[in-house]
Amino acid sequence: MGMNLGRHLESFKGRVPSLLVGAIAEFYLETIKPVFQEYALPQGRLQGRGRTVNPAAIHPTALLT
């Protein structure tokens, strides 16, 4: 890696966005049912990392309409 540092950095830079896209897609698909179909967040039943999500603690947020 030390001999071809520039090439390795370019390869890594190209890889990171593709990993993030996969993580974002997986997260999105996991949240569709509980958030949009079961309304778990406003009912106080949404779990994240084994804990109940408190909507009042989510701030500051922006609204995209």
PDB file of N, CA and C in Angstrom:
ATOM      1  N   MET A   1       0.811  -1.178   0.000  1.00  0.00           N
ATOM      2  CA  MET A   1       0.000   0.000   0.000  1.00  0.00           C
ATOM      3  C   MET A   1       0.865   1.256   0.000  1.00  0.00           C
ATOM      4  N   GLY A   2       1.964   1.213   0.705  1.00  0.00           N
ATOM      5  CA  GLY A   2       2.841   2.369   0.775  1.00  0.00           C
ATOM      6  C   GLY A   2       3.431   2.744  -0.572  1.00  0.00           C
ATOM      7  N   MET A   3       3.651   1.758  -1.428  1.00  0.00           N
ATOM      8  CA  MET A   3       4.250   2.036  -2.738  1.00  0.00           C
ATOM      9  C   MET A   3       3.242   2.666  -3.688  1.00  0.00           C
ATOM     10  N   ASN A   4       1.965   2.341  -3.572  1.00  0.00           N
ATOM     11  CA  ASN A   4       0.926   2.845  -4.465  1.00  0.00           C
ATOM     12  C   ASN A   4      -0.151   3.580  -3.679  1.00  0.00           C
ATOM     13  N   LEU A   5       0.261   4.452  -2.808  1.00  0.00           N
ATOM     14  CA  LEU A   5      -0.680   5.119  -1.921  1.00  0.00           C
ATOM     15  C   LEU A   5      -1.774   5.873  -2.690  1.00  0.00           C
ATOM     16  N   GLY A   6      -1.395   6.584  -3.723  1.00  0.00           N
ATOM     17  CA  GLY A   6      -2.371   7.345  -4.500  1.00  0.00           C
ATOM     18  C   GLY A   6      -3.443   6.456  -5.103  1.00  0.00           C
ATOM     19  N   ARG A   7      -3.029   5.339  -5.661  1.00  0.00           N
ATOM     20  CA  ARG A   7      -3.982   4.400  -6.260  1.00  0.00           C
ATOM     21  C   ARG A   7      -4.918   3.809  -5.208  1.00  0.00           C
ATOM     22  N   HIS A   8      -4.376   3.469  -4.057  1.00  0.00           N
ATOM     23  CA  HIS A   8      -5.192   2.908  -2.985  1.00  0.00           C
ATOM     24  C   HIS A   8      -6.191   3.938  -2.450  1.00  0.00           C
ATOM     25  N   LEU A   9      -5.748   5.177  -2.305  1.00  0.00           N
ATOM     26  CA  LEU A   9      -6.657   6.220  -1.828  1.00  0.00           C
ATOM     27  C   LEU A   9      -7.797   6.451  -2.813  1.00  0.00           C
ATOM     28  N   GLU A  10      -7.499   6.467  -4.102  1.00  0.00           N
ATOM     29  CA  GLU A  10      -8.545   6.638  -5.116  1.00  0.00           C
ATOM     30  C   GLU A  10      -9.531   5.471  -5.086  1.00  0.00           C
ATOM     31  N   SER A  11      -9.022   4.267  -4.925  1.00  0.00           N
ATOM     32  CA  SER A  11      -9.872   3.087  -4.862  1.00  0.00           C
ATOM     33  C   SER A  11     -10.780   3.151  -3.635  1.00  0.00           C
ATOM     34  N   PHE A  12     -10.214   3.538  -2.503  1.00  0.00           N
ATOM     35  CA  PHE A  12     -10.985   3.647  -1.266  1.00  0.00           C
ATOM     36  C   PHE A  12     -12.051   4.733  -1.392  1.00  0.00           C
ATOM     37  N   LYS A  13     -11.683   5.865  -1.983  1.00  0.00           N
ATOM     38  CA  LYS A  13     -12.618   6.973  -2.142  1.00  0.00           C
ATOM     39  C   LYS A  13     -13.813   6.556  -2.995  1.00  0.00           C
ATOM     40  N   GLY A  14     -13.591   5.722  -3.985  1.00  0.00           N
ATOM     41  CA  GLY A  14     -14.674   5.248  -4.824  1.00  0.00           C
ATOM     42  C   GLY A  14     -15.538   4.208  -4.140  1.00  0.00           C
ATOM     43  N   ARG A  15     -15.002   3.531  -3.163  1.00  0.00           N
ATOM     44  CA  ARG A  15     -15.714   2.446  -2.468  1.00  0.00           C
ATOM     45  C   ARG A  15     -16.645   2.957  -1.371  1.00  0.00           C
ATOM     46  N   VAL A  16     -16.263   3.989  -0.672  1.00  0.00           N
ATOM     47  CA  VAL A  16     -17.039   4.480   0.471  1.00  0.00           C
ATOM     48  C   VAL A  16     -18.462   4.873   0.082  1.00  0.00           C
ATOM     49  N   PRO A  17     -18.687   5.678  -0.959  1.00  0.00           N
ATOM     50  CA  PRO A  17     -20.084   6.016  -1.296  1.00  0.00           C
ATOM     51  C   PRO A  17     -20.948   4.804  -1.607  1.00  0.00           C
ATOM     52  N   SER A  18     -20.383   3.788  -2.244  1.00  0.00           N
ATOM     53  CA  SER A  18     -21.179   2.601  -2.560  1.00  0.00           C
ATOM     54  C   SER A  18     -21.563   1.848  -1.290  1.00  0.00           C
ATOM     55  N   LEU A  19     -20.702   1.860  -0.293  1.00  0.00           N
ATOM     56  CA  LEU A  19     -21.033   1.222   0.981  1.00  0.00           C
ATOM     57  C   LEU A  19     -22.135   1.998   1.698  1.00  0.00           C
ATOM     58  N   LEU A  20     -22.055   3.317   1.645  1.00  0.00           N
ATOM     59  CA  LEU A  20     -23.074   4.127   2.299  1.00  0.00           C
ATOM     60  C   LEU A  20     -24.430   3.962   1.635  1.00  0.00           C
ATOM     61  N   VAL A  21     -24.454   3.887   0.320  1.00  0.00           N
ATOM     62  CA  VAL A  21     -25.724   3.711  -0.390  1.00  0.00           C
ATOM     63  C   VAL A  21     -26.386   2.410   0.034  1.00  0.00           C
ATOM     64  N   GLY A  22     -25.615   1.345   0.147  1.00  0.00           N
ATOM     65  CA  GLY A  22     -26.166   0.067   0.596  1.00  0.00           C
ATOM     66  C   GLY A  22     -26.701   0.148   2.006  1.00  0.00           C
ATOM     67  N   ALA A  23     -25.968   0.833   2.896  1.00  0.00           N
ATOM     68  CA  ALA A  23     -26.420   0.968   4.293  1.00  0.00           C
ATOM     69  C   ALA A  23     -27.687   1.795   4.358  1.00  0.00           C
ATOM     70  N   ILE A  24     -27.744   2.854   3.581  1.00  0.00           N
ATOM     71  CA  ILE A  24     -28.919   3.716   3.598  1.00  0.00           C
ATOM     72  C   ILE A  24     -30.129   2.961   3.063  1.00  0.00           C
ATOM     73  N   ALA A  25     -29.955   2.211   1.995  1.00  0.00           N
ATOM     74  CA  ALA A  25     -31.064   1.446   1.420  1.00  0.00           C
ATOM     75  C   ALA A  25     -31.566   0.403   2.414  1.00  0.00           C
ATOM     76  N   GLU A  26     -30.651  -0.273   3.076  1.00  0.00           N
ATOM     77  CA  GLU A  26     -31.038  -1.290   4.057  1.00  0.00           C
ATOM     78  C   GLU A  26     -31.804  -0.648   5.211  1.00  0.00           C
ATOM     79  N   PHE A  27     -31.312   0.488   5.703  1.00  0.00           N
ATOM     80  CA  PHE A  27     -31.995   1.200   6.787  1.00  0.00           C
ATOM     81  C   PHE A  27     -33.394   1.621   6.349  1.00  0.00           C
ATOM     82  N   TYR A  28     -33.503   2.151   5.156  1.00  0.00           N
ATOM     83  CA  TYR A  28     -34.795   2.604   4.634  1.00  0.00           C
ATOM     84  C   TYR A  28     -35.791   1.455   4.576  1.00  0.00           C
ATOM     85  N   LEU A  29     -35.361   0.324   4.046  1.00  0.00           N
ATOM     86  CA  LEU A  29     -36.259  -0.817   3.919  1.00  0.00           C
ATOM     87  C   LEU A  29     -36.679  -1.362   5.282  1.00  0.00           C
ATOM     88  N   GLU A  30     -35.788  -1.309   6.259  1.00  0.00           N
ATOM     89  CA  GLU A  30     -36.108  -1.791   7.603  1.00  0.00           C
ATOM     90  C   GLU A  30     -37.101  -0.882   8.320  1.00  0.00           C
ATOM     91  N   THR A  31     -37.152   0.396   7.938  1.00  0.00           N
ATOM     92  CA  THR A  31     -38.020   1.334   8.648  1.00  0.00           C
ATOM     93  C   THR A  31     -39.376   1.554   7.985  1.00  0.00           C
ATOM     94  N   ILE A  32     -39.562   1.113   6.755  1.00  0.00           N
ATOM     95  CA  ILE A  32     -40.827   1.331   6.049  1.00  0.00           C
ATOM     96  C   ILE A  32     -42.024   0.798   6.831  1.00  0.00           C
ATOM     97  N   LYS A  33     -41.966  -0.476   7.207  1.00  0.00           N
ATOM     98  CA  LYS A  33     -43.119  -1.098   7.869  1.00  0.00           C
ATOM     99  C   LYS A  33     -43.424  -0.468   9.231  1.00  0.00           C
ATOM    100  N   PRO A  34     -42.455  -0.403  10.163  1.00  0.00           N
ATOM    101  CA  PRO A  34     -42.810   0.138  11.475  1.00  0.00           C
ATOM    102  C   PRO A  34     -43.187   1.628  11.453  1.00  0.00           C
ATOM    103  N   VAL A  35     -42.525   2.407  10.620  1.00  0.00           N
ATOM    104  CA  VAL A  35     -42.775   3.845  10.640  1.00  0.00           C
ATOM    105  C   VAL A  35     -43.998   4.229   9.819  1.00  0.00           C
ATOM    106  N   PHE A  36     -44.073   3.731   8.584  1.00  0.00           N
ATOM    107  CA  PHE A  36     -45.113   4.201   7.680  1.00  0.00           C
ATOM    108  C   PHE A  36     -46.350   3.307   7.598  1.00  0.00           C
ATOM    109  N   GLN A  37     -46.229   2.049   7.986  1.00  0.00           N
ATOM    110  CA  GLN A  37     -47.382   1.159   7.907  1.00  0.00           C
ATOM    111  C   GLN A  37     -47.993   0.871   9.275  1.00  0.00           C
ATOM    112  N   GLU A  38     -47.163   0.797  10.296  1.00  0.00           N
ATOM    113  CA  GLU A  38     -47.656   0.487  11.644  1.00  0.00           C
ATOM    114  C   GLU A  38     -47.740   1.723  12.549  1.00  0.00           C
ATOM    115  N   TYR A  39     -47.251   2.865  12.089  1.00  0.00           N
ATOM    116  CA  TYR A  39     -47.271   4.120  12.854  1.00  0.00           C
ATOM    117  C   TYR A  39     -46.654   3.967  14.246  1.00  0.00           C
ATOM    118  N   ALA A  40     -45.572   3.203  14.327  1.00  0.00           N
ATOM    119  CA  ALA A  40     -44.952   2.912  15.619  1.00  0.00           C
ATOM    120  C   ALA A  40     -44.337   4.148  16.276  1.00  0.00           C
ATOM    121  N   LEU A  41     -43.816   5.090  15.497  1.00  0.00           N
ATOM    122  CA  LEU A  41     -43.191   6.271  16.105  1.00  0.00           C
ATOM    123  C   LEU A  41     -44.197   7.135  16.857  1.00  0.00           C
ATOM    124  N   PRO A  42     -45.286   7.577  16.240  1.00  0.00           N
ATOM    125  CA  PRO A  42     -46.217   8.419  16.994  1.00  0.00           C
ATOM    126  C   PRO A  42     -46.941   7.670  18.119  1.00  0.00           C
ATOM    127  N   GLN A  43     -46.986   6.344  18.036  1.00  0.00           N
ATOM    128  CA  GLN A  43     -47.636   5.561  19.088  1.00  0.00           C
ATOM    129  C   GLN A  43     -46.674   5.202  20.223  1.00  0.00           C
ATOM    130  N   GLY A  44     -45.416   5.637  20.098  1.00  0.00           N
ATOM    131  CA  GLY A  44     -44.426   5.375  21.147  1.00  0.00           C
ATOM    132  C   GLY A  44     -43.949   3.940  21.200  1.00  0.00           C
ATOM    133  N   ARG A  45     -44.032   3.207  20.086  1.00  0.00           N
ATOM    134  CA  ARG A  45     -43.632   1.801  20.057  1.00  0.00           C
ATOM    135  C   ARG A  45     -42.401   1.543  19.194  1.00  0.00           C
ATOM    136  N   LEU A  46     -41.816   2.570  18.571  1.00  0.00           N
ATOM    137  CA  LEU A  46     -40.666   2.369  17.681  1.00  0.00           C
ATOM    138  C   LEU A  46     -39.417   2.083  18.501  1.00  0.00           C
ATOM    139  N   GLN A  47     -38.733   1.006  18.151  1.00  0.00           N
ATOM    140  CA  GLN A  47     -37.520   0.595  18.843  1.00  0.00           C
ATOM    141  C   GLN A  47     -36.304   0.874  17.965  1.00  0.00           C
ATOM    142  N   GLY A  48     -35.241   1.318  18.585  1.00  0.00           N
ATOM    143  CA  GLY A  48     -33.971   1.509  17.911  1.00  0.00           C
ATOM    144  C   GLY A  48     -32.851   1.092  18.831  1.00  0.00           C
ATOM    145  N   ARG A  49     -32.054   0.144  18.388  1.00  0.00           N
ATOM    146  CA  ARG A  49     -30.945  -0.391  19.203  1.00  0.00           C
ATOM    147  C   ARG A  49     -31.422  -0.886  20.558  1.00  0.00           C
ATOM    148  N   GLY A  50     -32.610  -1.496  20.552  1.00  0.00           N
ATOM    149  CA  GLY A  50     -33.132  -2.089  21.772  1.00  0.00           C
ATOM    150  C   GLY A  50     -33.797  -1.113  22.728  1.00  0.00           C
ATOM    151  N   ARG A  51     -33.931   0.152  22.321  1.00  0.00           N
ATOM    152  CA  ARG A  51     -34.556   1.151  23.181  1.00  0.00           C
ATOM    153  C   ARG A  51     -35.724   1.801  22.454  1.00  0.00           C
ATOM    154  N   THR A  52     -36.718   2.240  23.199  1.00  0.00           N
ATOM    155  CA  THR A  52     -37.850   2.930  22.604  1.00  0.00           C
ATOM    156  C   THR A  52     -37.422   4.333  22.191  1.00  0.00           C
ATOM    157  N   VAL A  53     -37.776   4.719  20.972  1.00  0.00           N
ATOM    158  CA  VAL A  53     -37.416   6.030  20.450  1.00  0.00           C
ATOM    159  C   VAL A  53     -38.331   7.083  21.061  1.00  0.00           C
ATOM    160  N   ASN A  54     -37.726   8.151  21.570  1.00  0.00           N
ATOM    161  CA  ASN A  54     -38.473   9.265  22.143  1.00  0.00           C
ATOM    162  C   ASN A  54     -38.504  10.396  21.115  1.00  0.00           C
ATOM    163  N   PRO A  55     -39.631  10.615  20.434  1.00  0.00           N
ATOM    164  CA  PRO A  55     -39.688  11.656  19.405  1.00  0.00           C
ATOM    165  C   PRO A  55     -39.358  13.051  19.931  1.00  0.00           C
ATOM    166  N   ALA A  56     -39.639  13.335  21.182  1.00  0.00           N
ATOM    167  CA  ALA A  56     -39.342  14.650  21.753  1.00  0.00           C
ATOM    168  C   ALA A  56     -37.836  14.911  21.831  1.00  0.00           C
ATOM    169  N   ALA A  57     -37.043  13.855  21.848  1.00  0.00           N
ATOM    170  CA  ALA A  57     -35.593  14.006  21.941  1.00  0.00           C
ATOM    171  C   ALA A  57     -34.936  14.210  20.573  1.00  0.00           C
ATOM    172  N   ILE A  58     -35.705  14.130  19.520  1.00  0.00           N
ATOM    173  CA  ILE A  58     -35.160  14.287  18.162  1.00  0.00           C
ATOM    174  C   ILE A  58     -35.233  15.767  17.795  1.00  0.00           C
ATOM    175  N   HIS A  59     -34.116  16.461  17.922  1.00  0.00           N
ATOM    176  CA  HIS A  59     -34.067  17.890  17.592  1.00  0.00           C
ATOM    177  C   HIS A  59     -32.652  18.299  17.310  1.00  0.00           C
ATOM    178  N   PRO A  60     -32.324  19.346  16.667  1.00  0.00           N
ATOM    179  CA  PRO A  60     -33.206  20.086  15.765  1.00  0.00           C
ATOM    180  C   PRO A  60     -33.404  19.286  14.479  1.00  0.00           C
ATOM    181  N   THR A  61     -34.524  19.422  13.899  1.00  0.00           N
ATOM    182  CA  THR A  61     -34.821  18.718  12.663  1.00  0.00           C
ATOM    183  C   THR A  61     -35.324  19.688  11.609  1.00  0.00           C
ATOM    184  N   ALA A  62     -35.218  19.281  10.368  1.00  0.00           N
ATOM    185  CA  ALA A  62     -35.732  20.077   9.262  1.00  0.00           C
ATOM    186  C   ALA A  62     -36.879  19.302   8.623  1.00  0.00           C
ATOM    187  N   LEU A  63     -37.838  20.018   8.142  1.00  0.00           N
ATOM    188  CA  LEU A  63     -38.985  19.390   7.494  1.00  0.00           C
ATOM    189  C   LEU A  63     -38.862  19.579   5.994  1.00  0.00           C
ATOM    190  N   LEU A  64     -38.833  18.492   5.271  1.00  0.00           N
ATOM    191  CA  LEU A  64     -38.767  18.535   3.815  1.00  0.00           C
ATOM    192  C   LEU A  64     -40.144  18.174   3.279  1.00  0.00           C
ATOM    193  N   THR A  65     -40.774  19.116   2.634  1.00  0.00           N
ATOM    194  CA  THR A  65     -42.116  18.855   2.105  1.00  0.00           C
ATOM    195  C   THR A  65     -42.149  18.982   0.595  1.00  0.00           C
TER     196      THR A  65
END
